[in-house]
mmCIF file of all heavy atoms, coordinates in Angstrom:
data_MODEL
# 
_entry.id   MODEL 
# 
loop_
_atom_site.group_PDB 
_atom_site.id 
_atom_site.type_symbol 
_atom_site.label_atom_id 
_atom_site.label_alt_id 
_atom_site.label_comp_id 
_atom_site.label_asym_id 
_atom_site.label_entity_id 
_atom_site.label_seq_id 
_atom_site.pdbx_PDB_ins_code 
_atom_site.Cartn_x 
_atom_site.Cartn_y 
_atom_site.Cartn_z 
_atom_site.occupancy 
_atom_site.B_iso_or_equiv 
_atom_site.pdbx_formal_charge 
_atom_site.auth_seq_id 
_atom_site.auth_comp_id 
_atom_site.auth_asym_id 
_atom_site.auth_atom_id 
_atom_site.pdbx_PDB_model_num 
ATOM 1   N N   . MET A 1 1  ? -43.772 42.920 33.056 1.00 0.00 ? 1  MET A N   1 
ATOM 2   C CA  . MET A 1 1  ? -44.200 44.122 32.457 1.00 0.00 ? 1  MET A CA  1 
ATOM 3   C C   . MET A 1 1  ? -45.694 44.503 32.671 1.00 0.00 ? 1  MET A C   1 
ATOM 4   O O   . MET A 1 1  ? -46.487 43.665 32.710 1.00 0.00 ? 1  MET A O   1 
ATOM 5   C CB  . MET A 1 1  ? -44.024 44.106 30.859 1.00 0.00 ? 1  MET A CB  1 
ATOM 6   C CG  . MET A 1 1  ? -42.667 43.752 30.384 1.00 0.00 ? 1  MET A CG  1 
ATOM 7   S SD  . MET A 1 1  ? -41.318 44.946 30.835 1.00 0.00 ? 1  MET A SD  1 
ATOM 8   C CE  . MET A 1 1  ? -40.459 44.014 32.034 1.00 0.00 ? 1  MET A CE  1 
ATOM 9   N N   . GLN A 1 2  ? -45.833 45.787 33.075 1.00 0.00 ? 2  GLN A N   1 
ATOM 10  C CA  . GLN A 1 2  ? -47.279 46.258 33.408 1.00 0.00 ? 2  GLN A CA  1 
ATOM 11  C C   . GLN A 1 2  ? -48.181 46.002 32.204 1.00 0.00 ? 2  GLN A C   1 
ATOM 12  O O   . GLN A 1 2  ? -49.364 45.723 32.388 1.00 0.00 ? 2  GLN A O   1 
ATOM 13  C CB  . GLN A 1 2  ? -47.254 47.693 33.837 1.00 0.00 ? 2  GLN A CB  1 
ATOM 14  C CG  . GLN A 1 2  ? -48.476 48.455 33.660 1.00 0.00 ? 2  GLN A CG  1 
ATOM 15  C CD  . GLN A 1 2  ? -49.533 47.886 34.703 1.00 0.00 ? 2  GLN A CD  1 
ATOM 16  O OE1 . GLN A 1 2  ? -49.347 47.064 35.489 1.00 0.00 ? 2  GLN A OE1 1 
ATOM 17  N NE2 . GLN A 1 2  ? -50.857 48.327 34.467 1.00 0.00 ? 2  GLN A NE2 1 
ATOM 18  N N   . THR A 1 3  ? -47.654 46.104 30.971 1.00 0.00 ? 3  THR A N   1 
ATOM 19  C CA  . THR A 1 3  ? -48.442 45.969 29.720 1.00 0.00 ? 3  THR A CA  1 
ATOM 20  C C   . THR A 1 3  ? -48.751 44.486 29.561 1.00 0.00 ? 3  THR A C   1 
ATOM 21  O O   . THR A 1 3  ? -49.484 44.170 28.527 1.00 0.00 ? 3  THR A O   1 
ATOM 22  C CB  . THR A 1 3  ? -47.738 46.585 28.586 1.00 0.00 ? 3  THR A CB  1 
ATOM 23  O OG1 . THR A 1 3  ? -46.408 46.018 28.377 1.00 0.00 ? 3  THR A OG1 1 
ATOM 24  C CG2 . THR A 1 3  ? -47.608 48.089 28.746 1.00 0.00 ? 3  THR A CG2 1 
ATOM 25  N N   . GLY A 1 4  ? -48.068 43.587 30.319 1.00 0.00 ? 4  GLY A N   1 
ATOM 26  C CA  . GLY A 1 4  ? -48.162 42.228 29.959 1.00 0.00 ? 4  GLY A CA  1 
ATOM 27  C C   . GLY A 1 4  ? -49.478 41.512 30.468 1.00 0.00 ? 4  GLY A C   1 
ATOM 28  O O   . GLY A 1 4  ? -50.445 42.204 30.906 1.00 0.00 ? 4  GLY A O   1 
ATOM 29  N N   . ALA A 1 5  ? -49.465 40.249 30.280 1.00 0.00 ? 5  ALA A N   1 
ATOM 30  C CA  . ALA A 1 5  ? -50.676 39.354 30.752 1.00 0.00 ? 5  ALA A CA  1 
ATOM 31  C C   . ALA A 1 5  ? -50.850 39.421 32.203 1.00 0.00 ? 5  ALA A C   1 
ATOM 32  O O   . ALA A 1 5  ? -49.827 39.560 32.964 1.00 0.00 ? 5  ALA A O   1 
ATOM 33  C CB  . ALA A 1 5  ? -50.541 37.994 30.113 1.00 0.00 ? 5  ALA A CB  1 
ATOM 34  N N   . GLN A 1 6  ? -52.085 39.308 32.598 1.00 0.00 ? 6  GLN A N   1 
ATOM 35  C CA  . GLN A 1 6  ? -52.354 39.227 34.058 1.00 0.00 ? 6  GLN A CA  1 
ATOM 36  C C   . GLN A 1 6  ? -51.585 38.107 34.814 1.00 0.00 ? 6  GLN A C   1 
ATOM 37  O O   . GLN A 1 6  ? -51.117 38.329 35.912 1.00 0.00 ? 6  GLN A O   1 
ATOM 38  C CB  . GLN A 1 6  ? -53.919 38.917 34.278 1.00 0.00 ? 6  GLN A CB  1 
ATOM 39  C CG  . GLN A 1 6  ? -54.337 39.067 35.722 1.00 0.00 ? 6  GLN A CG  1 
ATOM 40  C CD  . GLN A 1 6  ? -54.312 40.435 36.294 1.00 0.00 ? 6  GLN A CD  1 
ATOM 41  O OE1 . GLN A 1 6  ? -54.384 41.446 35.564 1.00 0.00 ? 6  GLN A OE1 1 
ATOM 42  N NE2 . GLN A 1 6  ? -54.331 40.529 37.602 1.00 0.00 ? 6  GLN A NE2 1 
ATOM 43  N N   . ALA A 1 7  ? -51.407 36.903 34.127 1.00 0.00 ? 7  ALA A N   1 
ATOM 44  C CA  . ALA A 1 7  ? -50.778 35.880 34.729 1.00 0.00 ? 7  ALA A CA  1 
ATOM 45  C C   . ALA A 1 7  ? -49.285 36.263 35.007 1.00 0.00 ? 7  ALA A C   1 
ATOM 46  O O   . ALA A 1 7  ? -48.687 35.882 36.075 1.00 0.00 ? 7  ALA A O   1 
ATOM 47  C CB  . ALA A 1 7  ? -50.834 34.585 33.890 1.00 0.00 ? 7  ALA A CB  1 
ATOM 48  N N   . ALA A 1 8  ? -48.681 36.953 34.138 1.00 0.00 ? 8  ALA A N   1 
ATOM 49  C CA  . ALA A 1 8  ? -47.299 37.377 34.318 1.00 0.00 ? 8  ALA A CA  1 
ATOM 50  C C   . ALA A 1 8  ? -47.166 38.301 35.523 1.00 0.00 ? 8  ALA A C   1 
ATOM 51  O O   . ALA A 1 8  ? -46.249 38.277 36.348 1.00 0.00 ? 8  ALA A O   1 
ATOM 52  C CB  . ALA A 1 8  ? -46.800 37.992 33.051 1.00 0.00 ? 8  ALA A CB  1 
ATOM 53  N N   . ARG A 1 9  ? -48.094 39.273 35.555 1.00 0.00 ? 9  ARG A N   1 
ATOM 54  C CA  . ARG A 1 9  ? -48.006 40.256 36.701 1.00 0.00 ? 9  ARG A CA  1 
ATOM 55  C C   . ARG A 1 9  ? -48.169 39.595 38.038 1.00 0.00 ? 9  ARG A C   1 
ATOM 56  O O   . ARG A 1 9  ? -47.579 39.978 39.039 1.00 0.00 ? 9  ARG A O   1 
ATOM 57  C CB  . ARG A 1 9  ? -49.099 41.318 36.467 1.00 0.00 ? 9  ARG A CB  1 
ATOM 58  C CG  . ARG A 1 9  ? -48.854 42.179 35.287 1.00 0.00 ? 9  ARG A CG  1 
ATOM 59  C CD  . ARG A 1 9  ? -49.684 43.425 35.227 1.00 0.00 ? 9  ARG A CD  1 
ATOM 60  N NE  . ARG A 1 9  ? -51.116 43.105 35.199 1.00 0.00 ? 9  ARG A NE  1 
ATOM 61  C CZ  . ARG A 1 9  ? -52.004 43.988 35.144 1.00 0.00 ? 9  ARG A CZ  1 
ATOM 62  N NH1 . ARG A 1 9  ? -51.699 45.266 34.995 1.00 0.00 ? 9  ARG A NH1 1 
ATOM 63  N NH2 . ARG A 1 9  ? -53.349 43.653 35.013 1.00 0.00 ? 9  ARG A NH2 1 
ATOM 64  N N   . GLU A 1 10 ? -49.061 38.526 37.999 1.00 0.00 ? 10 GLU A N   1 
ATOM 65  C CA  . GLU A 1 10 ? -49.321 37.762 39.296 1.00 0.00 ? 10 GLU A CA  1 
ATOM 66  C C   . GLU A 1 10 ? -48.092 37.000 39.656 1.00 0.00 ? 10 GLU A C   1 
ATOM 67  O O   . GLU A 1 10 ? -47.798 36.845 40.795 1.00 0.00 ? 10 GLU A O   1 
ATOM 68  C CB  . GLU A 1 10 ? -50.481 36.780 39.117 1.00 0.00 ? 10 GLU A CB  1 
ATOM 69  C CG  . GLU A 1 10 ? -51.850 37.514 38.925 1.00 0.00 ? 10 GLU A CG  1 
ATOM 70  C CD  . GLU A 1 10 ? -52.436 38.164 40.191 1.00 0.00 ? 10 GLU A CD  1 
ATOM 71  O OE1 . GLU A 1 10 ? -51.853 37.844 41.301 1.00 0.00 ? 10 GLU A OE1 1 
ATOM 72  O OE2 . GLU A 1 10 ? -53.403 38.825 40.109 1.00 0.00 ? 10 GLU A OE2 1 
ATOM 73  N N   . ALA A 1 11 ? -47.336 36.483 38.687 1.00 0.00 ? 11 ALA A N   1 
ATOM 74  C CA  . ALA A 1 11 ? -46.266 35.515 39.035 1.00 0.00 ? 11 ALA A CA  1 
ATOM 75  C C   . ALA A 1 11 ? -45.038 36.301 39.475 1.00 0.00 ? 11 ALA A C   1 
ATOM 76  O O   . ALA A 1 11 ? -44.210 35.804 40.244 1.00 0.00 ? 11 ALA A O   1 
ATOM 77  C CB  . ALA A 1 11 ? -46.008 34.726 37.821 1.00 0.00 ? 11 ALA A CB  1 
ATOM 78  N N   . GLY A 1 12 ? -44.650 37.457 38.942 1.00 0.00 ? 12 GLY A N   1 
ATOM 79  C CA  . GLY A 1 12 ? -43.474 38.184 39.273 1.00 0.00 ? 12 GLY A CA  1 
ATOM 80  C C   . GLY A 1 12 ? -43.456 38.792 40.695 1.00 0.00 ? 12 GLY A C   1 
ATOM 81  O O   . GLY A 1 12 ? -44.549 39.000 41.198 1.00 0.00 ? 12 GLY A O   1 
ATOM 82  N N   . ASN A 1 13 ? -42.329 39.084 41.169 1.00 0.00 ? 13 ASN A N   1 
ATOM 83  C CA  . ASN A 1 13 ? -42.271 39.768 42.451 1.00 0.00 ? 13 ASN A CA  1 
ATOM 84  C C   . ASN A 1 13 ? -41.904 41.280 42.366 1.00 0.00 ? 13 ASN A C   1 
ATOM 85  O O   . ASN A 1 13 ? -41.694 41.936 43.241 1.00 0.00 ? 13 ASN A O   1 
ATOM 86  C CB  . ASN A 1 13 ? -41.256 39.074 43.430 1.00 0.00 ? 13 ASN A CB  1 
ATOM 87  C CG  . ASN A 1 13 ? -39.983 38.723 42.897 1.00 0.00 ? 13 ASN A CG  1 
ATOM 88  O OD1 . ASN A 1 13 ? -39.498 39.487 41.821 1.00 0.00 ? 13 ASN A OD1 1 
ATOM 89  N ND2 . ASN A 1 13 ? -39.401 37.759 43.365 1.00 0.00 ? 13 ASN A ND2 1 
ATOM 90  N N   . MET A 1 14 ? -41.854 41.682 41.050 1.00 0.00 ? 14 MET A N   1 
ATOM 91  C CA  . MET A 1 14 ? -41.797 43.117 40.776 1.00 0.00 ? 14 MET A CA  1 
ATOM 92  C C   . MET A 1 14 ? -42.556 43.376 39.466 1.00 0.00 ? 14 MET A C   1 
ATOM 93  O O   . MET A 1 14 ? -42.700 42.545 38.609 1.00 0.00 ? 14 MET A O   1 
ATOM 94  C CB  . MET A 1 14 ? -40.239 43.406 40.433 1.00 0.00 ? 14 MET A CB  1 
ATOM 95  C CG  . MET A 1 14 ? -39.335 43.450 41.635 1.00 0.00 ? 14 MET A CG  1 
ATOM 96  S SD  . MET A 1 14 ? -37.808 44.151 41.207 1.00 0.00 ? 14 MET A SD  1 
ATOM 97  C CE  . MET A 1 14 ? -36.902 43.864 42.813 1.00 0.00 ? 14 MET A CE  1 
ATOM 98  N N   . VAL A 1 15 ? -43.126 44.536 39.329 1.00 0.00 ? 15 VAL A N   1 
ATOM 99  C CA  . VAL A 1 15 ? -43.842 44.920 38.258 1.00 0.00 ? 15 VAL A CA  1 
ATOM 100 C C   . VAL A 1 15 ? -43.271 46.289 37.670 1.00 0.00 ? 15 VAL A C   1 
ATOM 101 O O   . VAL A 1 15 ? -43.253 47.250 38.404 1.00 0.00 ? 15 VAL A O   1 
ATOM 102 C CB  . VAL A 1 15 ? -45.345 45.196 38.529 1.00 0.00 ? 15 VAL A CB  1 
ATOM 103 C CG1 . VAL A 1 15 ? -46.095 45.601 37.292 1.00 0.00 ? 15 VAL A CG1 1 
ATOM 104 C CG2 . VAL A 1 15 ? -46.047 43.844 38.923 1.00 0.00 ? 15 VAL A CG2 1 
ATOM 105 N N   . ASP A 1 16 ? -42.802 46.225 36.443 1.00 0.00 ? 16 ASP A N   1 
ATOM 106 C CA  . ASP A 1 16 ? -42.304 47.523 35.783 1.00 0.00 ? 16 ASP A CA  1 
ATOM 107 C C   . ASP A 1 16 ? -43.441 48.231 35.135 1.00 0.00 ? 16 ASP A C   1 
ATOM 108 O O   . ASP A 1 16 ? -44.020 47.844 34.153 1.00 0.00 ? 16 ASP A O   1 
ATOM 109 C CB  . ASP A 1 16 ? -41.323 47.138 34.703 1.00 0.00 ? 16 ASP A CB  1 
ATOM 110 C CG  . ASP A 1 16 ? -40.795 48.340 33.986 1.00 0.00 ? 16 ASP A CG  1 
ATOM 111 O OD1 . ASP A 1 16 ? -40.991 49.428 34.435 1.00 0.00 ? 16 ASP A OD1 1 
ATOM 112 O OD2 . ASP A 1 16 ? -40.060 48.107 33.061 1.00 0.00 ? 16 ASP A OD2 1 
ATOM 113 N N   . LEU A 1 17 ? -43.925 49.382 35.874 1.00 0.00 ? 17 LEU A N   1 
ATOM 114 C CA  . LEU A 1 17 ? -45.005 50.158 35.397 1.00 0.00 ? 17 LEU A CA  1 
ATOM 115 C C   . LEU A 1 17 ? -44.818 50.836 34.083 1.00 0.00 ? 17 LEU A C   1 
ATOM 116 O O   . LEU A 1 17 ? -45.753 51.169 33.431 1.00 0.00 ? 17 LEU A O   1 
ATOM 117 C CB  . LEU A 1 17 ? -45.360 51.131 36.522 1.00 0.00 ? 17 LEU A CB  1 
ATOM 118 C CG  . LEU A 1 17 ? -45.687 50.610 37.826 1.00 0.00 ? 17 LEU A CG  1 
ATOM 119 C CD1 . LEU A 1 17 ? -45.959 51.727 38.711 1.00 0.00 ? 17 LEU A CD1 1 
ATOM 120 C CD2 . LEU A 1 17 ? -46.831 49.504 37.791 1.00 0.00 ? 17 LEU A CD2 1 
ATOM 121 N N   . ASP A 1 18 ? -43.509 50.944 33.670 1.00 0.00 ? 18 ASP A N   1 
ATOM 122 C CA  . ASP A 1 18 ? -43.294 51.546 32.338 1.00 0.00 ? 18 ASP A CA  1 
ATOM 123 C C   . ASP A 1 18 ? -43.057 50.522 31.244 1.00 0.00 ? 18 ASP A C   1 
ATOM 124 O O   . ASP A 1 18 ? -42.890 50.817 30.074 1.00 0.00 ? 18 ASP A O   1 
ATOM 125 C CB  . ASP A 1 18 ? -41.981 52.357 32.395 1.00 0.00 ? 18 ASP A CB  1 
ATOM 126 C CG  . ASP A 1 18 ? -42.148 53.651 33.289 1.00 0.00 ? 18 ASP A CG  1 
ATOM 127 O OD1 . ASP A 1 18 ? -43.308 54.156 33.324 1.00 0.00 ? 18 ASP A OD1 1 
ATOM 128 O OD2 . ASP A 1 18 ? -41.214 54.053 33.930 1.00 0.00 ? 18 ASP A OD2 1 
ATOM 129 N N   . SER A 1 19 ? -43.013 49.132 31.608 1.00 0.00 ? 19 SER A N   1 
ATOM 130 C CA  . SER A 1 19 ? -42.801 48.148 30.644 1.00 0.00 ? 19 SER A CA  1 
ATOM 131 C C   . SER A 1 19 ? -41.550 48.281 29.782 1.00 0.00 ? 19 SER A C   1 
ATOM 132 O O   . SER A 1 19 ? -41.623 48.197 28.624 1.00 0.00 ? 19 SER A O   1 
ATOM 133 C CB  . SER A 1 19 ? -44.068 47.947 29.734 1.00 0.00 ? 19 SER A CB  1 
ATOM 134 O OG  . SER A 1 19 ? -45.216 47.658 30.518 1.00 0.00 ? 19 SER A OG  1 
ATOM 135 N N   . ASP A 1 20 ? -40.542 48.750 30.459 1.00 0.00 ? 20 ASP A N   1 
ATOM 136 C CA  . ASP A 1 20 ? -39.238 48.868 29.870 1.00 0.00 ? 20 ASP A CA  1 
ATOM 137 C C   . ASP A 1 20 ? -38.240 47.777 30.315 1.00 0.00 ? 20 ASP A C   1 
ATOM 138 O O   . ASP A 1 20 ? -37.737 47.862 31.479 1.00 0.00 ? 20 ASP A O   1 
ATOM 139 C CB  . ASP A 1 20 ? -38.753 50.259 30.095 1.00 0.00 ? 20 ASP A CB  1 
ATOM 140 C CG  . ASP A 1 20 ? -37.340 50.488 29.495 1.00 0.00 ? 20 ASP A CG  1 
ATOM 141 O OD1 . ASP A 1 20 ? -36.914 49.659 28.747 1.00 0.00 ? 20 ASP A OD1 1 
ATOM 142 O OD2 . ASP A 1 20 ? -36.765 51.600 29.845 1.00 0.00 ? 20 ASP A OD2 1 
ATOM 143 N N   . PRO A 1 21 ? -37.849 46.834 29.403 1.00 0.00 ? 21 PRO A N   1 
ATOM 144 C CA  . PRO A 1 21 ? -36.918 45.773 29.886 1.00 0.00 ? 21 PRO A CA  1 
ATOM 145 C C   . PRO A 1 21 ? -35.581 46.346 30.326 1.00 0.00 ? 21 PRO A C   1 
ATOM 146 O O   . PRO A 1 21 ? -35.017 45.671 31.216 1.00 0.00 ? 21 PRO A O   1 
ATOM 147 C CB  . PRO A 1 21 ? -36.842 44.879 28.651 1.00 0.00 ? 21 PRO A CB  1 
ATOM 148 C CG  . PRO A 1 21 ? -37.164 45.815 27.480 1.00 0.00 ? 21 PRO A CG  1 
ATOM 149 C CD  . PRO A 1 21 ? -38.121 46.752 28.044 1.00 0.00 ? 21 PRO A CD  1 
ATOM 150 N N   . THR A 1 22 ? -35.093 47.354 29.831 1.00 0.00 ? 22 THR A N   1 
ATOM 151 C CA  . THR A 1 22 ? -33.820 47.918 30.212 1.00 0.00 ? 22 THR A CA  1 
ATOM 152 C C   . THR A 1 22 ? -33.883 48.540 31.644 1.00 0.00 ? 22 THR A C   1 
ATOM 153 O O   . THR A 1 22 ? -32.858 48.694 32.250 1.00 0.00 ? 22 THR A O   1 
ATOM 154 C CB  . THR A 1 22 ? -33.338 48.979 29.248 1.00 0.00 ? 22 THR A CB  1 
ATOM 155 O OG1 . THR A 1 22 ? -34.165 50.211 29.251 1.00 0.00 ? 22 THR A OG1 1 
ATOM 156 C CG2 . THR A 1 22 ? -33.191 48.441 27.901 1.00 0.00 ? 22 THR A CG2 1 
ATOM 157 N N   . LYS A 1 23 ? -35.143 48.580 32.226 1.00 0.00 ? 23 LYS A N   1 
ATOM 158 C CA  . LYS A 1 23 ? -35.332 49.081 33.575 1.00 0.00 ? 23 LYS A CA  1 
ATOM 159 C C   . LYS A 1 23 ? -34.611 48.184 34.552 1.00 0.00 ? 23 LYS A C   1 
ATOM 160 O O   . LYS A 1 23 ? -34.355 48.535 35.712 1.00 0.00 ? 23 LYS A O   1 
ATOM 161 C CB  . LYS A 1 23 ? -36.755 49.109 33.903 1.00 0.00 ? 23 LYS A CB  1 
ATOM 162 C CG  . LYS A 1 23 ? -37.151 49.855 35.291 1.00 0.00 ? 23 LYS A CG  1 
ATOM 163 C CD  . LYS A 1 23 ? -36.990 51.344 35.165 1.00 0.00 ? 23 LYS A CD  1 
ATOM 164 C CE  . LYS A 1 23 ? -37.950 51.986 34.145 1.00 0.00 ? 23 LYS A CE  1 
ATOM 165 N NZ  . LYS A 1 23 ? -39.306 51.801 34.598 1.00 0.00 ? 23 LYS A NZ  1 
ATOM 166 N N   . VAL A 1 24 ? -34.396 46.925 34.170 1.00 0.00 ? 24 VAL A N   1 
ATOM 167 C CA  . VAL A 1 24 ? -33.680 46.032 35.127 1.00 0.00 ? 24 VAL A CA  1 
ATOM 168 C C   . VAL A 1 24 ? -32.296 46.488 35.564 1.00 0.00 ? 24 VAL A C   1 
ATOM 169 O O   . VAL A 1 24 ? -31.812 46.110 36.622 1.00 0.00 ? 24 VAL A O   1 
ATOM 170 C CB  . VAL A 1 24 ? -33.571 44.639 34.395 1.00 0.00 ? 24 VAL A CB  1 
ATOM 171 C CG1 . VAL A 1 24 ? -32.498 44.558 33.361 1.00 0.00 ? 24 VAL A CG1 1 
ATOM 172 C CG2 . VAL A 1 24 ? -33.319 43.466 35.491 1.00 0.00 ? 24 VAL A CG2 1 
ATOM 173 N N   . ILE A 1 25 ? -31.696 47.384 34.761 1.00 0.00 ? 25 ILE A N   1 
ATOM 174 C CA  . ILE A 1 25 ? -30.446 47.930 35.159 1.00 0.00 ? 25 ILE A CA  1 
ATOM 175 C C   . ILE A 1 25 ? -30.609 48.773 36.519 1.00 0.00 ? 25 ILE A C   1 
ATOM 176 O O   . ILE A 1 25 ? -29.919 48.684 37.415 1.00 0.00 ? 25 ILE A O   1 
ATOM 177 C CB  . ILE A 1 25 ? -29.802 48.803 34.037 1.00 0.00 ? 25 ILE A CB  1 
ATOM 178 C CG1 . ILE A 1 25 ? -29.472 47.936 32.951 1.00 0.00 ? 25 ILE A CG1 1 
ATOM 179 C CG2 . ILE A 1 25 ? -28.478 49.599 34.508 1.00 0.00 ? 25 ILE A CG2 1 
ATOM 180 C CD1 . ILE A 1 25 ? -28.972 48.624 31.724 1.00 0.00 ? 25 ILE A CD1 1 
ATOM 181 N N   . GLU A 1 26 ? -31.678 49.633 36.453 1.00 0.00 ? 26 GLU A N   1 
ATOM 182 C CA  . GLU A 1 26 ? -31.986 50.406 37.643 1.00 0.00 ? 26 GLU A CA  1 
ATOM 183 C C   . GLU A 1 26 ? -32.379 49.527 38.799 1.00 0.00 ? 26 GLU A C   1 
ATOM 184 O O   . GLU A 1 26 ? -31.953 49.713 39.917 1.00 0.00 ? 26 GLU A O   1 
ATOM 185 C CB  . GLU A 1 26 ? -33.076 51.394 37.314 1.00 0.00 ? 26 GLU A CB  1 
ATOM 186 C CG  . GLU A 1 26 ? -32.734 52.639 36.595 1.00 0.00 ? 26 GLU A CG  1 
ATOM 187 C CD  . GLU A 1 26 ? -32.799 52.457 35.104 1.00 0.00 ? 26 GLU A CD  1 
ATOM 188 O OE1 . GLU A 1 26 ? -32.980 51.195 34.615 1.00 0.00 ? 26 GLU A OE1 1 
ATOM 189 O OE2 . GLU A 1 26 ? -32.569 53.463 34.346 1.00 0.00 ? 26 GLU A OE2 1 
# 
């Protein structure tokens, strides 16, 4: 999530700029 911690953003291979978990459907 874009609103999340820096470590989380660094670890993921996607960043949801809207920080909406249901975005995973899209």
